[in-house]
């Protein structure tokens, strides 16, 4: 998502796949000053990629299990709600929330279509 809540990139995975392995492929090619993400993205490799490759600030709350908690700007982190709001908007499309498509490529194509429709509104 960008700062206005518009989608930038999607990667479709299986339901059992974790979020963190997809972080670096999602961030490749992006230019940003700050990356906001939830606790599931709190991994040393992801944070190092954000800070070294993107030269951006990683605003990710530390996991409870972290030995040395990292600092997090919780005022900036409040803007992450835009992602959750966008997911809520996608669920207005019955074809997405009910997952009528058998094939992942068709499901992802409709997510792109719905995202374009939301972006244009």
Protein backbone atom coordinates (compact mmCIF):
# COMPACT_ATOMS: atom_id res chain seq x y z
CA UNK A 1 0.00 0.00 0.00
CA UNK A 2 1.10 3.54 -0.51
CA UNK A 3 0.51 6.37 1.97
CA UNK A 4 -2.98 6.99 0.55
CA UNK A 5 -4.10 3.38 1.00
CA UNK A 6 -3.81 2.40 -2.66
CA UNK A 7 -2.46 -1.07 -3.45
CA UNK A 8 0.95 -1.38 -5.07
CA UNK A 9 1.73 -5.09 -5.35
CA UNK A 10 0.15 -8.47 -4.56
CA UNK A 11 1.59 -11.94 -4.06
CA UNK A 12 -0.83 -14.84 -3.69
CA UNK A 13 0.28 -17.71 -1.45
CA UNK A 14 -1.34 -20.76 0.04
CA UNK A 15 -3.36 -20.35 3.21
CA UNK A 16 -0.71 -22.09 5.30
CA UNK A 17 2.16 -19.86 4.10
CA UNK A 18 3.54 -17.28 6.47
CA UNK A 19 3.66 -13.55 5.79
CA UNK A 20 7.32 -12.89 6.46
CA UNK A 21 8.83 -14.95 3.58
CA UNK A 22 6.93 -12.70 1.14
CA UNK A 23 8.17 -9.41 2.61
CA UNK A 24 11.36 -9.03 0.62
CA UNK A 25 9.79 -10.00 -2.75
CA UNK A 26 7.01 -7.45 -2.08
CA UNK A 27 9.51 -4.71 -1.26
CA UNK A 28 11.81 -5.31 -4.24
CA UNK A 29 11.82 -2.36 -6.59
CA UNK A 30 9.97 -0.06 -4.19
CA UNK A 31 11.25 3.37 -3.22
CA UNK A 32 10.14 4.53 0.18
CA UNK A 33 11.24 6.33 3.31
CA UNK A 34 9.35 4.16 5.79
CA UNK A 35 7.90 0.65 5.83
CA UNK A 36 4.97 -0.06 8.16
CA UNK A 37 4.22 -3.69 8.92
CA UNK A 38 2.72 -5.78 11.70
CA UNK A 39 4.55 -8.06 14.12
CA UNK A 40 4.59 -11.01 11.73
CA UNK A 41 7.27 -9.18 9.69
CA UNK A 42 9.59 -8.70 12.70
CA UNK A 43 12.57 -10.72 11.50
CA UNK A 44 16.20 -9.67 11.41
CA UNK A 45 16.57 -10.42 7.69
CA UNK A 46 13.50 -8.36 6.75
CA UNK A 47 14.52 -5.41 8.89
CA UNK A 48 18.08 -5.53 7.55
CA UNK A 49 16.75 -5.52 3.96
CA UNK A 50 14.54 -2.50 4.68
CA UNK A 51 17.29 -0.52 6.36
CA UNK A 52 20.22 -1.46 4.10
CA UNK A 53 18.72 -2.05 0.64
CA UNK A 54 15.81 0.38 0.70
CA UNK A 55 17.54 2.84 3.05
CA UNK A 56 14.21 3.26 4.83
CA UNK A 57 12.94 3.15 8.39
CA UNK A 58 11.34 -0.12 9.50
CA UNK A 59 8.31 0.70 11.66
CA UNK A 60 7.52 -2.80 12.86
CA UNK A 61 6.52 -3.53 16.47
CA UNK A 62 8.79 -6.12 18.11
CA UNK A 63 7.49 -9.61 18.76
CA UNK A 64 6.94 -10.55 22.38
CA UNK A 65 9.57 -13.29 22.09
CA UNK A 66 12.36 -10.93 20.98
CA UNK A 67 15.26 -10.96 23.45
CA UNK A 68 16.18 -7.33 22.83
CA UNK A 69 13.02 -5.34 21.96
CA UNK A 70 13.47 -2.84 19.15
CA UNK A 71 12.16 0.70 19.27
CA UNK A 72 9.01 1.39 17.27
CA UNK A 73 7.31 4.66 16.36
CA UNK A 74 3.75 3.80 17.37
CA UNK A 75 2.43 7.17 16.19
CA UNK A 76 3.52 6.36 12.62
CA UNK A 77 2.41 2.74 13.05
CA UNK A 78 -1.20 3.87 13.42
CA UNK A 79 -1.29 4.50 9.67
CA UNK A 80 -1.10 0.73 9.05
CA UNK A 81 -4.87 0.60 9.44
CA UNK A 82 -5.07 1.59 5.76
CA UNK A 83 -4.08 -1.97 4.84
CA UNK A 84 -6.86 -3.44 6.98
CA UNK A 85 -9.37 -0.96 5.52
CA UNK A 86 -8.38 -1.98 2.00
CA UNK A 87 -8.81 -5.66 2.81
CA UNK A 88 -12.27 -4.80 4.12
CA UNK A 89 -13.08 -3.05 0.84
CA UNK A 90 -11.94 -6.11 -1.12
CA UNK A 91 -14.33 -8.26 0.87
CA UNK A 92 -17.27 -6.29 -0.55
CA UNK A 93 -16.66 -8.28 -3.73
CA UNK A 94 -18.50 -11.56 -3.23
CA UNK A 95 -16.24 -13.40 -5.63
CA UNK A 96 -13.24 -12.61 -3.39
CA UNK A 97 -14.62 -13.28 0.08
CA UNK A 98 -16.34 -16.52 -0.99
CA UNK A 99 -13.36 -17.64 -3.13
CA UNK A 100 -15.45 -18.91 -6.04
CA UNK A 101 -12.44 -19.27 -8.36
CA UNK A 102 -10.78 -22.69 -8.47
CA UNK A 103 -7.54 -21.44 -9.98
CA UNK A 104 -5.15 -19.15 -8.16
CA UNK A 105 -4.36 -17.19 -11.33
CA UNK A 106 -8.04 -16.29 -11.82
CA UNK A 107 -8.43 -15.37 -8.15
CA UNK A 108 -5.37 -13.10 -8.30
CA UNK A 109 -6.59 -11.56 -11.56
CA UNK A 110 -9.91 -10.67 -9.95
CA UNK A 111 -8.08 -9.18 -6.95
CA UNK A 112 -6.19 -6.96 -9.41
CA UNK A 113 -9.47 -6.02 -11.10
CA UNK A 114 -11.18 -5.22 -7.81
CA UNK A 115 -8.14 -3.23 -6.66
CA UNK A 116 -8.22 -1.17 -9.83
CA UNK A 117 -11.93 -0.57 -9.33
CA UNK A 118 -11.36 0.55 -5.73
CA UNK A 119 -8.43 2.74 -6.75
CA UNK A 120 -10.52 4.52 -9.38
CA UNK A 121 -13.34 5.30 -6.96
